[in-house]
Amino acid sequence: VLLTASYQDIKKMEIKDGCHAAIVLLAAAAMLLDRNTGIASRLLG
């Protein structure tokens, strides 16, 4: 997703909302699977 967002921004000076949404979905999955980073840290992040 980071590579996609970088490419979009370099080409058109715009990052599509699909990249943001994909990262939010990854964050939701990480909240369930990765106990090293707490929800409070993620929200503050």
ModelCIF file with pLDDT and N, C-alpha, C, O atoms, coordinates in Angstrom:
data_MODEL
#
_entry.id   MODEL 
#
_entity.id                         1 
_entity.type                       polymer 
_entity.pdbx_number_of_molecules   1 
#
_entity_poly.entity_id                      1 
_entity_poly.type                           'polypeptide(L)' 
_entity_poly.nstd_linkage                   no 
_entity_poly.nstd_monomer                   no 
_entity_poly.pdbx_seq_one_letter_code       VLLTASYQDIKKMEIKDGCHAAIVLLAAAAMLLDRNTGIASRLLG 
_entity_poly.pdbx_seq_one_letter_code_can   VLLTASYQDIKKMEIKDGCHAAIVLLAAAAMLLDRNTGIASRLLG 
_entity_poly.pdbx_strand_id                 A 
#
loop_
_entity_poly_seq.entity_id 
_entity_poly_seq.num 
_entity_poly_seq.mon_id 
_entity_poly_seq.hetero 
1 1  VAL n 
1 2  LEU n 
1 3  LEU n 
1 4  THR n 
1 5  ALA n 
1 6  SER n 
1 7  TYR n 
1 8  GLN n 
1 9  ASP n 
1 10 ILE n 
1 11 LYS n 
1 12 LYS n 
1 13 MET n 
1 14 GLU n 
1 15 ILE n 
1 16 LYS n 
1 17 ASP n 
1 18 GLY n 
1 19 CYS n 
1 20 HIS n 
1 21 ALA n 
1 22 ALA n 
1 23 ILE n 
1 24 VAL n 
1 25 LEU n 
1 26 LEU n 
1 27 ALA n 
1 28 ALA n 
1 29 ALA n 
1 30 ALA n 
1 31 MET n 
1 32 LEU n 
1 33 LEU n 
1 34 ASP n 
1 35 ARG n 
1 36 ASN n 
1 37 THR n 
1 38 GLY n 
1 39 ILE n 
1 40 ALA n 
1 41 SER n 
1 42 ARG n 
1 43 LEU n 
1 44 LEU n 
1 45 GLY n 
#
_struct_asym.id          A 
_struct_asym.entity_id   1 
#
loop_
_ma_qa_metric.id 
_ma_qa_metric.mode 
_ma_qa_metric.name 
_ma_qa_metric.software_group_id 
_ma_qa_metric.type 
1 global pLDDT . pLDDT 
2 local  pLDDT . pLDDT 
#
_ma_qa_metric_global.metric_id      1 
_ma_qa_metric_global.metric_value   95.76 
_ma_qa_metric_global.model_id       1 
_ma_qa_metric_global.ordinal_id     1 
#
loop_
_ma_qa_metric_local.label_asym_id 
_ma_qa_metric_local.label_comp_id 
_ma_qa_metric_local.label_seq_id 
_ma_qa_metric_local.metric_id 
_ma_qa_metric_local.metric_value 
_ma_qa_metric_local.model_id 
_ma_qa_metric_local.ordinal_id 
A VAL 1  2 98.00 1 1  
A LEU 2  2 98.00 1 2  
A LEU 3  2 98.00 1 3  
A THR 4  2 98.00 1 4  
A ALA 5  2 98.00 1 5  
A SER 6  2 98.00 1 6  
A TYR 7  2 98.00 1 7  
A GLN 8  2 97.00 1 8  
A ASP 9  2 97.00 1 9  
A ILE 10 2 96.00 1 10 
A LYS 11 2 97.00 1 11 
A LYS 12 2 96.00 1 12 
A MET 13 2 95.00 1 13 
A GLU 14 2 96.00 1 14 
A ILE 15 2 97.00 1 15 
A LYS 16 2 97.00 1 16 
A ASP 17 2 97.00 1 17 
A GLY 18 2 97.00 1 18 
A CYS 19 2 98.00 1 19 
A HIS 20 2 98.00 1 20 
A ALA 21 2 98.00 1 21 
A ALA 22 2 98.00 1 22 
A ILE 23 2 98.00 1 23 
A VAL 24 2 98.00 1 24 
A LEU 25 2 98.00 1 25 
A LEU 26 2 98.00 1 26 
A ALA 27 2 97.00 1 27 
A ALA 28 2 96.00 1 28 
A ALA 29 2 96.00 1 29 
A ALA 30 2 96.00 1 30 
A MET 31 2 94.00 1 31 
A LEU 32 2 93.00 1 32 
A LEU 33 2 92.00 1 33 
A ASP 34 2 85.00 1 34 
A ARG 35 2 82.00 1 35 
A ASN 36 2 86.00 1 36 
A THR 37 2 91.00 1 37 
A GLY 38 2 93.00 1 38 
A ILE 39 2 95.00 1 39 
A ALA 40 2 96.00 1 40 
A SER 41 2 96.00 1 41 
A ARG 42 2 97.00 1 42 
A LEU 43 2 97.00 1 43 
A LEU 44 2 98.00 1 44 
A GLY 45 2 97.00 1 45 
#
loop_
_atom_site.group_PDB 
_atom_site.id 
_atom_site.type_symbol 
_atom_site.label_atom_id 
_atom_site.label_alt_id 
_atom_site.label_comp_id 
_atom_site.label_asym_id 
_atom_site.label_entity_id 
_atom_site.label_seq_id 
_atom_site.pdbx_PDB_ins_code 
_atom_site.Cartn_x 
_atom_site.Cartn_y 
_atom_site.Cartn_z 
_atom_site.occupancy 
_atom_site.B_iso_or_equiv 
_atom_site.pdbx_formal_charge 
_atom_site.auth_seq_id 
_atom_site.auth_comp_id 
_atom_site.auth_asym_id 
_atom_site.auth_atom_id 
_atom_site.pdbx_PDB_model_num 
ATOM 1   N N  . VAL A 1 1  ? 0.844  -1.203  0.000   1.00 98.00 ? 1  VAL A N  1 
ATOM 2   C CA . VAL A 1 1  ? 0.000  0.000   0.000   1.00 98.00 ? 1  VAL A CA 1 
ATOM 3   C C  . VAL A 1 1  ? 0.880  1.256   0.000   1.00 98.00 ? 1  VAL A C  1 
ATOM 4   O O  . VAL A 1 1  ? 0.566  2.229   -0.685  1.00 98.00 ? 1  VAL A O  1 
ATOM 5   N N  . LEU A 1 2  ? 1.967  1.240   0.754   1.00 98.00 ? 2  LEU A N  1 
ATOM 6   C CA . LEU A 1 2  ? 2.877  2.397   0.773   1.00 98.00 ? 2  LEU A CA 1 
ATOM 7   C C  . LEU A 1 2  ? 3.484  2.654   -0.601  1.00 98.00 ? 2  LEU A C  1 
ATOM 8   O O  . LEU A 1 2  ? 3.602  3.802   -1.029  1.00 98.00 ? 2  LEU A O  1 
ATOM 9   N N  . LEU A 1 3  ? 3.868  1.587   -1.287  1.00 98.00 ? 3  LEU A N  1 
ATOM 10  C CA . LEU A 1 3  ? 4.401  1.745   -2.643  1.00 98.00 ? 3  LEU A CA 1 
ATOM 11  C C  . LEU A 1 3  ? 3.343  2.320   -3.582  1.00 98.00 ? 3  LEU A C  1 
ATOM 12  O O  . LEU A 1 3  ? 3.640  3.178   -4.413  1.00 98.00 ? 3  LEU A O  1 
ATOM 13  N N  . THR A 1 4  ? 2.122  1.845   -3.444  1.00 98.00 ? 4  THR A N  1 
ATOM 14  C CA . THR A 1 4  ? 1.023  2.349   -4.279  1.00 98.00 ? 4  THR A CA 1 
ATOM 15  C C  . THR A 1 4  ? 0.761  3.820   -4.001  1.00 98.00 ? 4  THR A C  1 
ATOM 16  O O  . THR A 1 4  ? 0.613  4.610   -4.933  1.00 98.00 ? 4  THR A O  1 
ATOM 17  N N  . ALA A 1 5  ? 0.703  4.196   -2.731  1.00 98.00 ? 5  ALA A N  1 
ATOM 18  C CA . ALA A 1 5  ? 0.465  5.593   -2.364  1.00 98.00 ? 5  ALA A CA 1 
ATOM 19  C C  . ALA A 1 5  ? 1.587  6.491   -2.863  1.00 98.00 ? 5  ALA A C  1 
ATOM 20  O O  . ALA A 1 5  ? 1.332  7.592   -3.351  1.00 98.00 ? 5  ALA A O  1 
ATOM 21  N N  . SER A 1 6  ? 2.822  6.029   -2.746  1.00 98.00 ? 6  SER A N  1 
ATOM 22  C CA . SER A 1 6  ? 3.970  6.813   -3.227  1.00 98.00 ? 6  SER A CA 1 
ATOM 23  C C  . SER A 1 6  ? 3.871  7.029   -4.731  1.00 98.00 ? 6  SER A C  1 
ATOM 24  O O  . SER A 1 6  ? 4.061  8.143   -5.220  1.00 98.00 ? 6  SER A O  1 
ATOM 25  N N  . TYR A 1 7  ? 3.577  5.974   -5.447  1.00 98.00 ? 7  TYR A N  1 
ATOM 26  C CA . TYR A 1 7  ? 3.457  6.064   -6.904  1.00 98.00 ? 7  TYR A CA 1 
ATOM 27  C C  . TYR A 1 7  ? 2.360  7.060   -7.302  1.00 98.00 ? 7  TYR A C  1 
ATOM 28  O O  . TYR A 1 7  ? 2.563  7.911   -8.168  1.00 98.00 ? 7  TYR A O  1 
ATOM 29  N N  . GLN A 1 8  ? 1.206  6.937   -6.660  1.00 97.00 ? 8  GLN A N  1 
ATOM 30  C CA . GLN A 1 8  ? 0.100  7.849   -6.963  1.00 97.00 ? 8  GLN A CA 1 
ATOM 31  C C  . GLN A 1 8  ? 0.497  9.295   -6.711  1.00 97.00 ? 8  GLN A C  1 
ATOM 32  O O  . GLN A 1 8  ? 0.216  10.171  -7.529  1.00 97.00 ? 8  GLN A O  1 
ATOM 33  N N  . ASP A 1 9  ? 1.149  9.547   -5.581  1.00 97.00 ? 9  ASP A N  1 
ATOM 34  C CA . ASP A 1 9  ? 1.510  10.907  -5.221  1.00 97.00 ? 9  ASP A CA 1 
ATOM 35  C C  . ASP A 1 9  ? 2.564  11.480  -6.178  1.00 97.00 ? 9  ASP A C  1 
ATOM 36  O O  . ASP A 1 9  ? 2.494  12.653  -6.542  1.00 97.00 ? 9  ASP A O  1 
ATOM 37  N N  . ILE A 1 10 ? 3.521  10.669  -6.577  1.00 96.00 ? 10 ILE A N  1 
ATOM 38  C CA . ILE A 1 10 ? 4.544  11.137  -7.521  1.00 96.00 ? 10 ILE A CA 1 
ATOM 39  C C  . ILE A 1 10 ? 3.911  11.454  -8.869  1.00 96.00 ? 10 ILE A C  1 
ATOM 40  O O  . ILE A 1 10 ? 4.229  12.472  -9.483  1.00 96.00 ? 10 ILE A O  1 
ATOM 41  N N  . LYS A 1 11 ? 3.019  10.587  -9.329  1.00 97.00 ? 11 LYS A N  1 
ATOM 42  C CA . LYS A 1 11 ? 2.421  10.752  -10.661 1.00 97.00 ? 11 LYS A CA 1 
ATOM 43  C C  . LYS A 1 11 ? 1.400  11.887  -10.737 1.00 97.00 ? 11 LYS A C  1 
ATOM 44  O O  . LYS A 1 11 ? 1.397  12.649  -11.703 1.00 97.00 ? 11 LYS A O  1 
ATOM 45  N N  . LYS A 1 12 ? 0.524  12.009  -9.716  1.00 96.00 ? 12 LYS A N  1 
ATOM 46  C CA . LYS A 1 12 ? -0.594 12.945  -9.819  1.00 96.00 ? 12 LYS A CA 1 
ATOM 47  C C  . LYS A 1 12 ? -0.725 13.904  -8.646  1.00 96.00 ? 12 LYS A C  1 
ATOM 48  O O  . LYS A 1 12 ? -1.681 14.678  -8.585  1.00 96.00 ? 12 LYS A O  1 
ATOM 49  N N  . MET A 1 13 ? 0.240  13.864  -7.696  1.00 95.00 ? 13 MET A N  1 
ATOM 50  C CA . MET A 1 13 ? 0.165  14.715  -6.501  1.00 95.00 ? 13 MET A CA 1 
ATOM 51  C C  . MET A 1 13 ? -1.146 14.472  -5.755  1.00 95.00 ? 13 MET A C  1 
ATOM 52  O O  . MET A 1 13 ? -1.767 15.400  -5.237  1.00 95.00 ? 13 MET A O  1 
ATOM 53  N N  . GLU A 1 14 ? -1.548 13.206  -5.714  1.00 96.00 ? 14 GLU A N  1 
ATOM 54  C CA . GLU A 1 14 ? -2.798 12.826  -5.051  1.00 96.00 ? 14 GLU A CA 1 
ATOM 55  C C  . GLU A 1 14 ? -2.662 11.387  -4.566  1.00 96.00 ? 14 GLU A C  1 
ATOM 56  O O  . GLU A 1 14 ? -2.101 10.532  -5.251  1.00 96.00 ? 14 GLU A O  1 
ATOM 57  N N  . ILE A 1 15 ? -3.191 11.140  -3.363  1.00 97.00 ? 15 ILE A N  1 
ATOM 58  C CA . ILE A 1 15 ? -3.228 9.780   -2.838  1.00 97.00 ? 15 ILE A CA 1 
ATOM 59  C C  . ILE A 1 15 ? -4.699 9.386   -2.732  1.00 97.00 ? 15 ILE A C  1 
ATOM 60  O O  . ILE A 1 15 ? -5.470 10.022  -2.013  1.00 97.00 ? 15 ILE A O  1 
ATOM 61  N N  . LYS A 1 16 ? -5.070 8.359   -3.433  1.00 97.00 ? 16 LYS A N  1 
ATOM 62  C CA . LYS A 1 16 ? -6.474 7.935   -3.467  1.00 97.00 ? 16 LYS A CA 1 
ATOM 63  C C  . LYS A 1 16 ? -6.924 7.402   -2.108  1.00 97.00 ? 16 LYS A C  1 
ATOM 64  O O  . LYS A 1 16 ? -6.134 6.832   -1.356  1.00 97.00 ? 16 LYS A O  1 
ATOM 65  N N  . ASP A 1 17 ? -8.196 7.596   -1.812  1.00 97.00 ? 17 ASP A N  1 
ATOM 66  C CA . ASP A 1 17 ? -8.762 7.159   -0.538  1.00 97.00 ? 17 ASP A CA 1 
ATOM 67  C C  . ASP A 1 17 ? -8.676 5.649   -0.340  1.00 97.00 ? 17 ASP A C  1 
ATOM 68  O O  . ASP A 1 17 ? -8.699 5.175   0.796   1.00 97.00 ? 17 ASP A O  1 
ATOM 69  N N  . GLY A 1 18 ? -8.576 4.891   -1.424  1.00 97.00 ? 18 GLY A N  1 
ATOM 70  C CA . GLY A 1 18 ? -8.440 3.447   -1.303  1.00 97.00 ? 18 GLY A CA 1 
ATOM 71  C C  . GLY A 1 18 ? -7.190 3.050   -0.533  1.00 97.00 ? 18 GLY A C  1 
ATOM 72  O O  . GLY A 1 18 ? -7.193 2.044   0.177   1.00 97.00 ? 18 GLY A O  1 
ATOM 73  N N  . CYS A 1 19 ? -6.122 3.831   -0.666  1.00 98.00 ? 19 CYS A N  1 
ATOM 74  C CA . CYS A 1 19 ? -4.893 3.540   0.093   1.00 98.00 ? 19 CYS A CA 1 
ATOM 75  C C  . CYS A 1 19 ? -5.128 3.746   1.580   1.00 98.00 ? 19 CYS A C  1 
ATOM 76  O O  . CYS A 1 19 ? -4.710 2.931   2.403   1.00 98.00 ? 19 CYS A O  1 
ATOM 77  N N  . HIS A 1 20 ? -5.802 4.843   1.919   1.00 98.00 ? 20 HIS A N  1 
ATOM 78  C CA . HIS A 1 20 ? -6.087 5.115   3.328   1.00 98.00 ? 20 HIS A CA 1 
ATOM 79  C C  . HIS A 1 20 ? -6.988 4.020   3.909   1.00 98.00 ? 20 HIS A C  1 
ATOM 80  O O  . HIS A 1 20 ? -6.766 3.531   5.017   1.00 98.00 ? 20 HIS A O  1 
ATOM 81  N N  . ALA A 1 21 ? -7.996 3.654   3.139   1.00 98.00 ? 21 ALA A N  1 
ATOM 82  C CA . ALA A 1 21 ? -8.941 2.624   3.604   1.00 98.00 ? 21 ALA A CA 1 
ATOM 83  C C  . ALA A 1 21 ? -8.234 1.283   3.780   1.00 98.00 ? 21 ALA A C  1 
ATOM 84  O O  . ALA A 1 21 ? -8.504 0.559   4.737   1.00 98.00 ? 21 ALA A O  1 
ATOM 85  N N  . ALA A 1 22 ? -7.332 0.952   2.863   1.00 98.00 ? 22 ALA A N  1 
ATOM 86  C CA . ALA A 1 22 ? -6.604 -0.312  2.973   1.00 98.00 ? 22 ALA A CA 1 
ATOM 87  C C  . ALA A 1 22 ? -5.759 -0.334  4.246   1.00 98.00 ? 22 ALA A C  1 
ATOM 88  O O  . ALA A 1 22 ? -5.688 -1.357  4.928   1.00 98.00 ? 22 ALA A O  1 
ATOM 89  N N  . ILE A 1 23 ? -5.120 0.789   4.565   1.00 98.00 ? 23 ILE A N  1 
ATOM 90  C CA . ILE A 1 23 ? -4.299 0.833   5.780   1.00 98.00 ? 23 ILE A CA 1 
ATOM 91  C C  . ILE A 1 23 ? -5.177 0.726   7.022   1.00 98.00 ? 23 ILE A C  1 
ATOM 92  O O  . ILE A 1 23 ? -4.795 0.070   7.992   1.00 98.00 ? 23 ILE A O  1 
ATOM 93  N N  . VAL A 1 24 ? -6.337 1.355   7.006   1.00 98.00 ? 24 VAL A N  1 
ATOM 94  C CA . VAL A 1 24 ? -7.249 1.244   8.156   1.00 98.00 ? 24 VAL A CA 1 
ATOM 95  C C  . VAL A 1 24 ? -7.689 -0.209  8.334   1.00 98.00 ? 24 VAL A C  1 
ATOM 96  O O  . VAL A 1 24 ? -7.767 -0.692  9.464   1.00 98.00 ? 24 VAL A O  1 
ATOM 97  N N  . LEU A 1 25 ? -7.977 -0.906  7.243   1.00 98.00 ? 25 LEU A N  1 
ATOM 98  C CA . LEU A 1 25 ? -8.337 -2.324  7.337   1.00 98.00 ? 25 LEU A CA 1 
ATOM 99  C C  . LEU A 1 25 ? -7.173 -3.162  7.868   1.00 98.00 ? 25 LEU A C  1 
ATOM 100 O O  . LEU A 1 25 ? -7.375 -4.079  8.663   1.00 98.00 ? 25 LEU A O  1 
ATOM 101 N N  . LEU A 1 26 ? -5.964 -2.846  7.428   1.00 98.00 ? 26 LEU A N  1 
ATOM 102 C CA . LEU A 1 26 ? -4.791 -3.538  7.956   1.00 98.00 ? 26 LEU A CA 1 
ATOM 103 C C  . LEU A 1 26 ? -4.615 -3.256  9.447   1.00 98.00 ? 26 LEU A C  1 
ATOM 104 O O  . LEU A 1 26 ? -4.242 -4.141  10.218  1.00 98.00 ? 26 LEU A O  1 
ATOM 105 N N  . ALA A 1 27 ? -4.888 -2.014  9.839   1.00 97.00 ? 27 ALA A N  1 
ATOM 106 C CA . ALA A 1 27 ? -4.788 -1.653  11.260  1.00 97.00 ? 27 ALA A CA 1 
ATOM 107 C C  . ALA A 1 27 ? -5.817 -2.428  12.081  1.00 97.00 ? 27 ALA A C  1 
ATOM 108 O O  . ALA A 1 27 ? -5.517 -2.894  13.180  1.00 97.00 ? 27 ALA A O  1 
ATOM 109 N N  . ALA A 1 28 ? -7.017 -2.562  11.549  1.00 96.00 ? 28 ALA A N  1 
ATOM 110 C CA . ALA A 1 28 ? -8.050 -3.321  12.263  1.00 96.00 ? 28 ALA A CA 1 
ATOM 111 C C  . ALA A 1 28 ? -7.616 -4.779  12.432  1.00 96.00 ? 28 ALA A C  1 
ATOM 112 O O  . ALA A 1 28 ? -7.789 -5.365  13.500  1.00 96.00 ? 28 ALA A O  1 
ATOM 113 N N  . ALA A 1 29 ? -7.057 -5.351  11.383  1.00 96.00 ? 29 ALA A N  1 
ATOM 114 C CA . ALA A 1 29 ? -6.566 -6.728  11.478  1.00 96.00 ? 29 ALA A CA 1 
ATOM 115 C C  . ALA A 1 29 ? -5.407 -6.813  12.467  1.00 96.00 ? 29 ALA A C  1 
ATOM 116 O O  . ALA A 1 29 ? -5.314 -7.768  13.239  1.00 96.00 ? 29 ALA A O  1 
ATOM 117 N N  . ALA A 1 30 ? -4.535 -5.826  12.445  1.00 96.00 ? 30 ALA A N  1 
ATOM 118 C CA . ALA A 1 30 ? -3.384 -5.815  13.359  1.00 96.00 ? 30 ALA A CA 1 
ATOM 119 C C  . ALA A 1 30 ? -3.841 -5.705  14.816  1.00 96.00 ? 30 ALA A C  1 
ATOM 120 O O  . ALA A 1 30 ? -3.218 -6.281  15.707  1.00 96.00 ? 30 ALA A O  1 
ATOM 121 N N  . MET A 1 31 ? -4.919 -4.972  15.057  1.00 94.00 ? 31 MET A N  1 
ATOM 122 C CA . MET A 1 31 ? -5.436 -4.857  16.422  1.00 94.00 ? 31 MET A CA 1 
ATOM 123 C C  . MET A 1 31 ? -5.862 -6.224  16.964  1.00 94.00 ? 31 MET A C  1 
ATOM 124 O O  . MET A 1 31 ? -5.744 -6.496  18.158  1.00 94.00 ? 31 MET A O  1 
ATOM 125 N N  . LEU A 1 32 ? -6.351 -7.064  16.080  1.00 93.00 ? 32 LEU A N  1 
ATOM 126 C CA . LEU A 1 32 ? -6.780 -8.401  16.490  1.00 93.00 ? 32 LEU A CA 1 
ATOM 127 C C  . LEU A 1 32 ? -5.610 -9.382  16.599  1.00 93.00 ? 32 LEU A C  1 
ATOM 128 O O  . LEU A 1 32 ? -5.614 -10.274 17.447  1.00 93.00 ? 32 LEU A O  1 
ATOM 129 N N  . LEU A 1 33 ? -4.624 -9.210  15.742  1.00 92.00 ? 33 LEU A N  1 
ATOM 130 C CA . LEU A 1 33 ? -3.554 -10.202 15.638  1.00 92.00 ? 33 LEU A CA 1 
ATOM 131 C C  . LEU A 1 33 ? -2.261 -9.824  16.357  1.00 92.00 ? 33 LEU A C  1 
ATOM 132 O O  . LEU A 1 33 ? -1.503 -10.700 16.775  1.00 92.00 ? 33 LEU A O  1 
ATOM 133 N N  . ASP A 1 34 ? -2.010 -8.532  16.502  1.00 85.00 ? 34 ASP A N  1 
ATOM 134 C CA . ASP A 1 34 ? -0.739 -8.060  17.076  1.00 85.00 ? 34 ASP A CA 1 
ATOM 135 C C  . ASP A 1 34 ? -0.990 -7.432  18.437  1.00 85.00 ? 34 ASP A C  1 
ATOM 136 O O  . ASP A 1 34 ? -1.524 -6.328  18.540  1.00 85.00 ? 34 ASP A O  1 
ATOM 137 N N  . ARG A 1 35 ? -0.604 -8.142  19.459  1.00 82.00 ? 35 ARG A N  1 
ATOM 138 C CA . ARG A 1 35 ? -0.832 -7.663  20.837  1.00 82.00 ? 35 ARG A CA 1 
ATOM 139 C C  . ARG A 1 35 ? 0.313  -6.773  21.333  1.00 82.00 ? 35 ARG A C  1 
ATOM 140 O O  . ARG A 1 35 ? 0.243  -6.254  22.446  1.00 82.00 ? 35 ARG A O  1 
ATOM 141 N N  . ASN A 1 36 ? 1.365  -6.589  20.525  1.00 86.00 ? 36 ASN A N  1 
ATOM 142 C CA . ASN A 1 36 ? 2.501  -5.763  20.948  1.00 86.00 ? 36 ASN A CA 1 
ATOM 143 C C  . ASN A 1 36 ? 2.168  -4.279  20.973  1.00 86.00 ? 36 ASN A C  1 
ATOM 144 O O  . ASN A 1 36 ? 2.712  -3.535  21.788  1.00 86.00 ? 36 ASN A O  1 
ATOM 145 N N  . THR A 1 37 ? 1.289  -3.848  20.097  1.00 91.00 ? 37 THR A N  1 
ATOM 146 C CA . THR A 1 37 ? 0.888  -2.445  20.035  1.00 91.00 ? 37 THR A CA 1 
ATOM 147 C C  . THR A 1 37 ? -0.559 -2.343  20.488  1.00 91.00 ? 37 THR A C  1 
ATOM 148 O O  . THR A 1 37 ? -1.457 -2.879  19.840  1.00 91.00 ? 37 THR A O  1 
ATOM 149 N N  . GLY A 1 38 ? -0.784 -1.655  21.602  1.00 93.00 ? 38 GLY A N  1 
ATOM 150 C CA . GLY A 1 38 ? -2.125 -1.550  22.158  1.00 93.00 ? 38 GLY A CA 1 
ATOM 151 C C  . GLY A 1 38 ? -3.029 -0.612  21.383  1.00 93.00 ? 38 GLY A C  1 
ATOM 152 O O  . GLY A 1 38 ? -2.573 0.188   20.566  1.00 93.00 ? 38 GLY A O  1 
ATOM 153 N N  . ILE A 1 39 ? -4.303 -0.726  21.652  1.00 95.00 ? 39 ILE A N  1 
ATOM 154 C CA . ILE A 1 39 ? -5.292 0.125   20.969  1.00 95.00 ? 39 ILE A CA 1 
ATOM 155 C C  . ILE A 1 39 ? -5.070 1.590   21.298  1.00 95.00 ? 39 ILE A C  1 
ATOM 156 O O  . ILE A 1 39 ? -5.206 2.440   20.419  1.00 95.00 ? 39 ILE A O  1 
ATOM 157 N N  . ALA A 1 40 ? -4.732 1.910   22.548  1.00 96.00 ? 40 ALA A N  1 
ATOM 158 C CA . ALA A 1 40 ? -4.489 3.313   22.927  1.00 96.00 ? 40 ALA A CA 1 
ATOM 159 C C  . ALA A 1 40 ? -3.326 3.883   22.130  1.00 96.00 ? 40 ALA A C  1 
ATOM 160 O O  . ALA A 1 40 ? -3.396 5.022   21.667  1.00 96.00 ? 40 ALA A O  1 
ATOM 161 N N  . SER A 1 41 ? -2.261 3.113   21.962  1.00 96.00 ? 41 SER A N  1 
ATOM 162 C CA . SER A 1 41 ? -1.112 3.567   21.181  1.00 96.00 ? 41 SER A CA 1 
ATOM 163 C C  . SER A 1 41 ? -1.508 3.789   19.724  1.00 96.00 ? 41 SER A C  1 
ATOM 164 O O  . SER A 1 41 ? -1.056 4.744   19.091  1.00 96.00 ? 41 SER A O  1 
ATOM 165 N N  . ARG A 1 42 ? -2.339 2.918   19.203  1.00 97.00 ? 42 ARG A N  1 
ATOM 166 C CA . ARG A 1 42 ? -2.782 3.056   17.810  1.00 97.00 ? 42 ARG A CA 1 
ATOM 167 C C  . ARG A 1 42 ? -3.667 4.288   17.623  1.00 97.00 ? 42 ARG A C  1 
ATOM 168 O O  . ARG A 1 42 ? -3.522 5.023   16.646  1.00 97.00 ? 42 ARG A O  1 
ATOM 169 N N  . LEU A 1 43 ? -4.585 4.508   18.568  1.00 97.00 ? 43 LEU A N  1 
ATOM 170 C CA . LEU A 1 43 ? -5.459 5.689   18.463  1.00 97.00 ? 43 LEU A CA 1 
ATOM 171 C C  . LEU A 1 43 ? -4.653 6.976   18.589  1.00 97.00 ? 43 LEU A C  1 
ATOM 172 O O  . LEU A 1 43 ? -4.883 7.931   17.847  1.00 97.00 ? 43 LEU A O  1 
ATOM 173 N N  . LEU A 1 44 ? -3.709 7.001   19.526  1.00 98.00 ? 44 LEU A N  1 
ATOM 174 C CA . LEU A 1 44 ? -2.836 8.161   19.662  1.00 98.00 ? 44 LEU A CA 1 
ATOM 175 C C  . LEU A 1 44 ? -1.975 8.325   18.419  1.00 98.00 ? 44 LEU A C  1 
ATOM 176 O O  . LEU A 1 44 ? -1.708 9.446   17.985  1.00 98.00 ? 44 LEU A O  1 
ATOM 177 N N  . GLY A 1 45 ? -1.541 7.209   17.848  1.00 97.00 ? 45 GLY A N  1 
ATOM 178 C CA . GLY A 1 45 ? -0.758 7.246   16.617  1.00 97.00 ? 45 GLY A CA 1 
ATOM 179 C C  . GLY A 1 45 ? -1.520 7.867   15.460  1.00 97.00 ? 45 GLY A C  1 
ATOM 180 O O  . GLY A 1 45 ? -0.988 7.967   14.354  1.00 97.00 ? 45 GLY A O  1 
#
